[in-house]
Protein backbone atom coordinates (compact mmCIF):
# COMPACT_ATOMS: atom_id res chain seq x y z
CA MET A 1 -3.67 -0.63 -6.08
CA ALA A 2 -5.77 -2.69 -8.03
CA THR A 3 -4.03 -6.05 -8.99
CA THR A 4 -3.94 -8.17 -11.92
CA GLN A 5 -7.30 -10.17 -11.94
CA GLU A 6 -7.12 -13.27 -10.35
CA GLN A 7 -10.06 -15.85 -10.45
CA PRO A 8 -10.75 -17.71 -7.42
CA ARG A 9 -9.57 -21.35 -7.59
CA ARG A 10 -11.21 -24.42 -5.92
CA GLY A 11 -9.32 -27.48 -4.50
CA GLY A 12 -6.19 -25.77 -4.16
CA ALA A 13 -4.60 -24.83 -0.69
CA ILE A 14 -5.60 -21.14 -1.05
CA GLU A 15 -9.10 -20.32 -1.78
CA MET A 16 -9.36 -16.50 -3.53
CA TYR A 17 -13.05 -15.93 -2.08
CA GLN A 18 -14.23 -16.41 1.39
CA ALA A 19 -18.19 -15.78 1.47
CA GLU A 20 -18.23 -15.14 5.33
CA LEU A 21 -16.38 -12.53 7.61
CA LYS A 22 -16.46 -14.25 10.92
CA ARG A 23 -15.25 -11.00 12.92
CA VAL A 24 -14.21 -7.70 12.10
CA PRO A 25 -10.65 -6.80 13.26
CA ALA A 26 -10.70 -4.89 16.08
CA SER A 27 -8.52 -1.88 14.62
CA VAL A 28 -11.13 -1.47 11.80
CA SER A 29 -14.06 -2.08 14.33
CA THR A 30 -12.58 1.06 16.24
CA LEU A 31 -12.42 3.09 12.91
CA LEU A 32 -15.64 2.49 11.83
CA SER A 33 -17.11 3.10 15.17
CA GLU A 34 -15.64 6.35 15.94
CA TYR A 35 -14.49 7.57 12.38
CA SER A 36 -17.20 6.61 10.40
CA HIS A 37 -19.94 6.21 13.18
CA ILE A 38 -21.39 3.03 12.18
CA PRO A 39 -22.58 1.13 15.27
CA LEU A 40 -20.97 -2.22 16.16
CA ASP A 41 -23.90 -4.59 15.42
CA GLN A 42 -24.22 -3.03 11.76
CA GLN A 43 -20.35 -3.31 10.62
CA LYS A 44 -20.10 -6.88 9.57
CA GLU A 45 -23.13 -6.64 7.34
CA HIS A 46 -21.98 -3.10 6.28
CA ILE A 47 -18.23 -4.47 5.33
CA LYS A 48 -19.67 -7.65 3.36
CA THR A 49 -22.09 -5.41 1.32
CA ILE A 50 -19.42 -3.42 -0.08
CA ARG A 51 -17.11 -6.08 -0.42
CA ASP A 52 -19.71 -8.20 -2.54
CA GLN A 53 -20.34 -5.02 -4.66
CA ALA A 54 -16.74 -4.74 -5.43
CA TYR A 55 -15.76 -8.39 -6.05
CA LYS A 56 -18.48 -8.51 -8.42
CA SER A 57 -16.80 -6.21 -11.16
CA HIS A 58 -13.26 -7.09 -9.07
CA PRO A 59 -12.50 -10.48 -8.31
CA TYR A 60 -9.16 -9.59 -6.70
CA PRO A 61 -7.48 -11.34 -3.99
CA CYS A 62 -7.58 -8.37 -1.75
CA LEU A 63 -11.24 -8.23 -1.73
CA GLY A 64 -11.93 -11.90 -1.82
CA ARG A 65 -9.93 -12.71 1.13
CA TRP A 66 -10.69 -9.47 3.31
CA ARG A 67 -7.12 -8.49 2.86
CA PHE A 68 -8.23 -4.58 2.50
CA LEU A 69 -9.37 -4.48 6.11
CA GLU A 70 -5.66 -5.15 7.43
CA LEU A 71 -4.10 -1.42 8.16
CA ASP A 72 -0.86 -2.03 6.93
CA LEU A 73 0.43 1.30 7.60
CA ALA A 74 -0.42 1.33 11.21
CA ASP A 75 1.69 -1.93 11.45
CA HIS A 76 4.59 -0.62 10.01
CA PRO A 77 7.70 -0.34 12.29
CA LEU A 78 7.83 3.42 11.69
CA TYR A 79 4.32 4.43 12.00
CA HIS A 80 4.19 5.89 15.46
CA SER A 81 7.86 7.25 15.51
CA ASP A 82 8.26 8.85 12.32
CA ILE A 83 5.08 8.84 10.07
CA LEU A 84 2.20 9.67 12.36
CA PRO A 85 4.27 12.54 14.39
CA ALA A 86 5.37 14.12 10.77
CA LEU A 87 1.64 14.33 9.62
CA LYS A 88 -0.16 15.36 12.73
CA SER A 89 -1.84 18.44 13.11
CA GLY A 90 0.41 21.19 14.99
CA SER A 91 3.23 19.58 14.61
CA ASN A 92 5.99 21.91 15.02
CA SER A 93 8.89 19.77 13.46
CA GLU A 94 10.61 20.62 10.38
CA GLN A 95 8.40 17.83 8.70
CA ALA A 96 5.07 19.86 9.51
CA THR A 97 4.05 20.50 5.83
CA TRP A 98 4.87 16.93 4.27
CA LYS A 99 2.61 15.87 1.93
CA PHE A 100 1.74 11.88 2.28
CA LEU A 101 0.78 10.02 -0.83
CA ASP A 102 -0.85 6.42 -0.61
CA LEU A 103 0.31 4.94 -3.96
CA GLY A 104 -2.04 1.98 -4.92
CA CYS A 105 -4.39 2.99 -1.81
CA CYS A 106 -7.09 0.65 -2.81
CA LEU A 107 -10.08 1.29 -0.62
CA ALA A 108 -7.71 4.18 1.07
CA GLN A 109 -8.07 2.42 4.50
CA ASP A 110 -4.34 3.41 5.60
CA VAL A 111 -5.21 7.11 4.60
CA ARG A 112 -8.57 6.79 6.75
CA LYS A 113 -6.38 5.34 9.45
CA LEU A 114 -3.88 8.18 9.44
CA ALA A 115 -6.99 10.90 9.67
CA PHE A 116 -8.48 9.17 12.69
CA ASP A 117 -5.21 9.04 14.41
CA GLY A 118 -4.83 12.75 14.19
CA ALA A 119 -2.94 13.59 10.78
CA ASP A 120 -3.60 16.73 8.91
CA LEU A 121 -6.49 16.29 6.51
CA SER A 122 -5.03 18.74 4.06
CA ARG A 123 -1.60 16.90 3.52
CA LEU A 124 -3.27 13.15 2.89
CA TYR A 125 -3.32 12.13 -0.57
CA GLY A 126 -4.25 8.49 -2.13
CA ALA A 127 -3.48 7.32 -5.65
CA ASP A 128 -5.12 4.02 -7.36
CA LEU A 129 -5.12 2.67 -10.95
CA ARG A 130 -8.91 2.05 -10.54
CA PRO A 131 -11.38 5.08 -9.72
CA GLU A 132 -14.07 2.73 -8.36
CA PHE A 133 -11.89 1.50 -5.51
CA ILE A 134 -12.03 5.28 -4.68
CA ASP A 135 -15.61 5.26 -4.60
CA MET A 136 -15.91 2.01 -2.71
CA GLY A 137 -13.72 3.88 0.00
CA TYR A 138 -16.12 6.25 0.42
CA ALA A 139 -19.06 4.05 0.57
CA LEU A 140 -17.01 1.88 3.22
CA PHE A 141 -16.09 4.85 5.71
CA ARG A 142 -19.04 7.46 4.82
CA ASP A 143 -16.72 10.42 5.26
CA GLU A 144 -17.31 12.42 1.87
CA ASP A 145 -17.77 15.21 4.34
CA LYS A 146 -14.20 14.76 5.82
CA LEU A 147 -11.77 14.02 2.97
CA PRO A 148 -11.79 15.88 -0.19
CA ARG A 149 -12.29 13.85 -3.26
CA ASP A 150 -9.83 15.86 -5.07
CA HIS A 151 -7.11 14.44 -2.78
CA PHE A 152 -7.68 11.08 -4.53
CA ILE A 153 -6.16 10.53 -7.88
CA ALA A 154 -7.48 7.72 -10.25
CA PRO A 155 -6.83 6.28 -12.67
CA ALA A 156 -2.94 6.58 -11.77
CA ASP A 157 -0.80 4.54 -13.56
CA VAL A 158 2.45 4.00 -12.17
CA PHE A 159 4.24 3.53 -15.66
CA ASP A 160 2.81 6.54 -17.32
CA LEU A 161 5.67 9.18 -16.83
CA SER A 162 3.83 11.86 -18.86
CA PRO A 163 3.85 15.25 -17.21
CA GLU A 164 0.12 15.73 -18.45
CA THR A 165 -1.42 13.18 -15.79
CA GLU A 166 -3.03 14.00 -12.79
CA LEU A 167 -0.54 12.08 -10.44
CA SER A 168 2.46 14.29 -12.34
CA GLN A 169 0.75 17.43 -11.79
CA LYS A 170 -0.41 17.02 -8.34
CA CYS A 171 2.40 15.29 -6.55
CA ASP A 172 5.34 15.18 -8.45
CA GLY A 173 8.09 16.88 -6.57
CA THR A 174 6.08 17.31 -3.53
CA VAL A 175 5.56 14.09 -1.41
CA GLY A 176 7.48 13.91 2.11
CA ILE A 177 6.07 10.44 2.98
CA LEU A 178 5.13 8.07 0.42
CA GLN A 179 3.91 4.69 0.99
CA ALA A 180 3.51 1.94 -1.75
CA SER A 181 1.92 -1.28 -0.14
CA ALA A 182 1.36 -4.64 -1.93
CA VAL A 183 2.17 -2.94 -5.14
CA PHE A 184 6.09 -3.83 -6.05
CA HIS A 185 5.09 -7.33 -5.57
CA LEU A 186 2.85 -7.30 -8.50
CA PHE A 187 5.18 -7.08 -11.06
CA ASP A 188 8.88 -8.53 -12.67
CA LEU A 189 12.18 -6.79 -11.45
CA SER A 190 12.57 -4.46 -14.57
CA GLN A 191 8.81 -3.19 -13.85
CA GLN A 192 9.78 -2.91 -10.31
CA LYS A 193 12.76 -0.79 -11.16
CA ALA A 194 10.69 1.42 -13.50
CA MET A 195 8.30 1.86 -10.56
CA ALA A 196 11.01 2.72 -8.30
CA GLN A 197 12.02 5.68 -10.72
CA ARG A 198 8.62 6.74 -10.75
CA CYS A 199 8.23 6.68 -6.87
CA LEU A 200 11.61 9.16 -6.85
CA LYS A 201 9.90 11.69 -9.33
CA LEU A 202 7.17 12.07 -6.77
CA LEU A 203 9.36 13.07 -3.74
CA ASP A 204 10.31 16.39 -2.74
CA PRO A 205 13.74 17.31 -3.33
CA SER A 206 13.74 20.55 -1.23
CA ARG A 207 13.36 18.14 1.79
CA LYS A 208 16.62 16.83 1.43
CA ARG A 209 15.75 13.89 3.56
CA VAL A 210 12.15 11.95 2.82
CA LEU A 211 10.71 8.71 3.61
CA MET A 212 9.11 5.94 1.45
CA CYS A 213 7.55 2.80 2.96
CA GLY A 214 5.42 -0.11 2.52
CA ALA A 215 4.87 -3.98 2.96
CA GLN A 216 4.73 -6.74 0.31
CA VAL A 217 5.14 -10.38 -0.67
CA GLY A 218 9.18 -11.51 -0.39
CA ASN A 219 11.07 -14.48 -0.52
CA ILE A 220 13.92 -16.19 1.00
CA ASN A 221 14.99 -17.06 -2.19
CA PRO A 222 14.87 -13.60 -4.38
CA SER A 223 13.73 -14.30 -7.83
CA GLU A 224 11.11 -14.32 -10.41
CA TYR A 225 7.98 -16.19 -9.79
CA PRO A 226 5.29 -16.97 -12.41
CA ARG A 227 2.06 -15.59 -12.08
CA ARG A 228 -0.83 -18.26 -11.70
CA SER A 229 -2.53 -16.78 -14.63
CA GLY A 230 -2.00 -14.63 -17.54
CA GLY A 231 1.64 -15.39 -17.99
CA GLY A 232 4.41 -13.38 -17.07
CA SER A 233 6.27 -13.45 -13.53
CA ARG A 234 6.63 -11.40 -10.58
CA PHE A 235 9.73 -10.85 -8.43
CA ARG A 236 9.96 -11.76 -4.85
CA HIS A 237 12.59 -9.83 -3.13
CA ASP A 238 14.55 -10.75 0.19
CA GLU A 239 16.46 -7.92 2.45
CA ASP A 240 19.73 -7.91 0.18
CA SER A 241 17.90 -7.99 -3.15
CA TRP A 242 15.51 -5.24 -2.10
CA ARG A 243 18.39 -3.09 -1.11
CA GLU A 244 20.65 -3.66 -4.33
CA MET A 245 17.65 -2.70 -6.25
CA TRP A 246 17.40 0.84 -4.83
CA LYS A 247 21.10 0.99 -4.62
CA GLU A 248 20.90 0.60 -8.53
CA VAL A 249 18.17 2.87 -9.25
CA VAL A 250 19.37 5.83 -7.43
CA GLY A 251 23.16 5.13 -9.50
CA GLN A 252 21.54 5.64 -12.92
CA GLY A 253 20.61 8.65 -15.02
CA GLU A 254 19.34 11.88 -13.23
CA TRP A 255 19.33 10.22 -9.83
CA LYS A 256 23.30 10.14 -9.72
CA GLU A 257 23.44 13.85 -9.39
CA LYS A 258 20.01 14.45 -7.46
CA ILE A 259 20.37 11.95 -4.86
CA ARG A 260 23.35 11.61 -2.28
CA ASP A 261 22.24 8.70 -0.52
CA VAL A 262 19.56 6.15 0.11
CA GLU A 263 19.20 4.22 3.54
CA VAL A 264 17.12 0.94 2.78
CA HIS A 265 15.70 -1.22 5.45
CA ALA A 266 13.44 -4.30 5.15
CA VAL A 267 12.21 -6.80 7.95
CA MET A 268 10.78 -10.29 6.59
CA THR A 269 8.42 -12.06 8.79
CA GLN A 270 8.31 -15.82 8.99
CA HIS A 271 5.39 -17.04 7.03
CA VAL A 272 3.19 -19.53 9.27
CA SER A 273 2.12 -22.70 7.36
CA GLY A 274 -1.31 -23.66 7.54
CA GLU A 275 -4.77 -22.39 6.65
CA ARG A 276 -6.84 -20.00 8.70
CA ARG A 277 -10.24 -20.39 9.48
CA GLU A 278 -12.60 -19.13 6.56
CA GLY A 279 -13.60 -15.80 7.03
CA GLU A 280 -11.28 -14.56 9.96
CA MET A 281 -8.37 -12.03 9.58
CA VAL A 282 -4.92 -13.35 9.34
CA GLU A 283 -2.47 -13.21 12.15
CA GLU A 284 0.85 -11.53 11.97
CA GLY A 285 3.22 -13.53 9.59
CA ASN A 286 0.19 -15.34 7.76
CA LYS A 287 -0.75 -13.11 5.09
CA HIS A 288 -2.19 -14.37 1.83
CA PHE A 289 -2.04 -13.13 -1.74
CA GLY A 290 -2.60 -15.98 -3.86
CA SER A 291 -0.67 -19.12 -4.31
CA ILE A 292 2.14 -19.27 -2.10
CA GLU A 293 5.87 -19.78 -3.03
CA GLU A 294 8.17 -22.03 -1.05
CA GLY A 295 10.03 -19.38 0.90
CA PHE A 296 7.09 -16.90 1.17
CA ARG A 297 7.53 -14.25 3.37
CA TRP A 298 5.98 -10.90 4.14
CA MET A 299 8.27 -8.08 4.04
CA ARG A 300 7.96 -4.64 5.85
CA TRP A 301 10.50 -2.10 4.20
CA TRP A 302 11.32 1.76 4.39
CA VAL A 303 13.84 3.85 2.43
CA TRP A 304 15.20 7.26 3.41
CA VAL A 305 16.11 9.40 0.63
CA GLU A 306 18.89 11.99 1.20
CA PHE A 307 18.64 14.59 -1.68
CA ALA A 308 21.83 16.60 -2.80
CA GLU A 309 22.15 20.03 -2.05
CA SER A 310 20.49 22.03 -4.96
């Protein structure tokens, strides 16, 4: 999801822009080689060209610090056990027709990884606030001939609940697996609750038990934390506050009758202090999104939603 614009800062602990990419992560290199057919010796310059073009108009940390090269979904604890098997072509499971939506897909790198790993292309969708990110994704992965354009929805505003939006018309009530990575942590708690309501509207109630998953910045001290610029705050969760938020949301309004239960999980990774070398990808537990609050953690989460019998 396109983030609130945050300018690079000089002299602080975290630089929002890193000019050089020292190496291409192995998983991304494989994807570019075998999915996009971009030779190894051209990959670094190709990525840098796309990133620099994008950063000129959208100076976001996810671009400036190369975070878009991290394949969050493939690192998720449920990727190989529940997510990929449900979406693979030829699957004989009851999930064989599930639709996948990456809400806040950015350059849709996770969608490309799913496609490369054998997921059914006809069931993969992405949505983002910024249409330009969809174009950048196609430029990066060179796959106009593989992924249909009409499977990407942009602009997609998670706070616009009107039934006339493209997101509503294409996805409401149809999604079996919903990913929302690096999105919830952009907002304060009241906005996160509103976004949670929007996510529930996207899910397919006929499936009875469906999955939401993602990853985001968390904190061992759950609270509102001030934004570095622009005013306002963002809420950082721990495992308990994340669970409490979902329990509260499904216990209100229409969801009290429609949802039988939610099973909420979160795993927080210890933040490794100390700065990585400029232009290198972060190691596990050392992901940076900007200023790091005391108690910072990286949190992977998943929510199984069980719908009531209709």
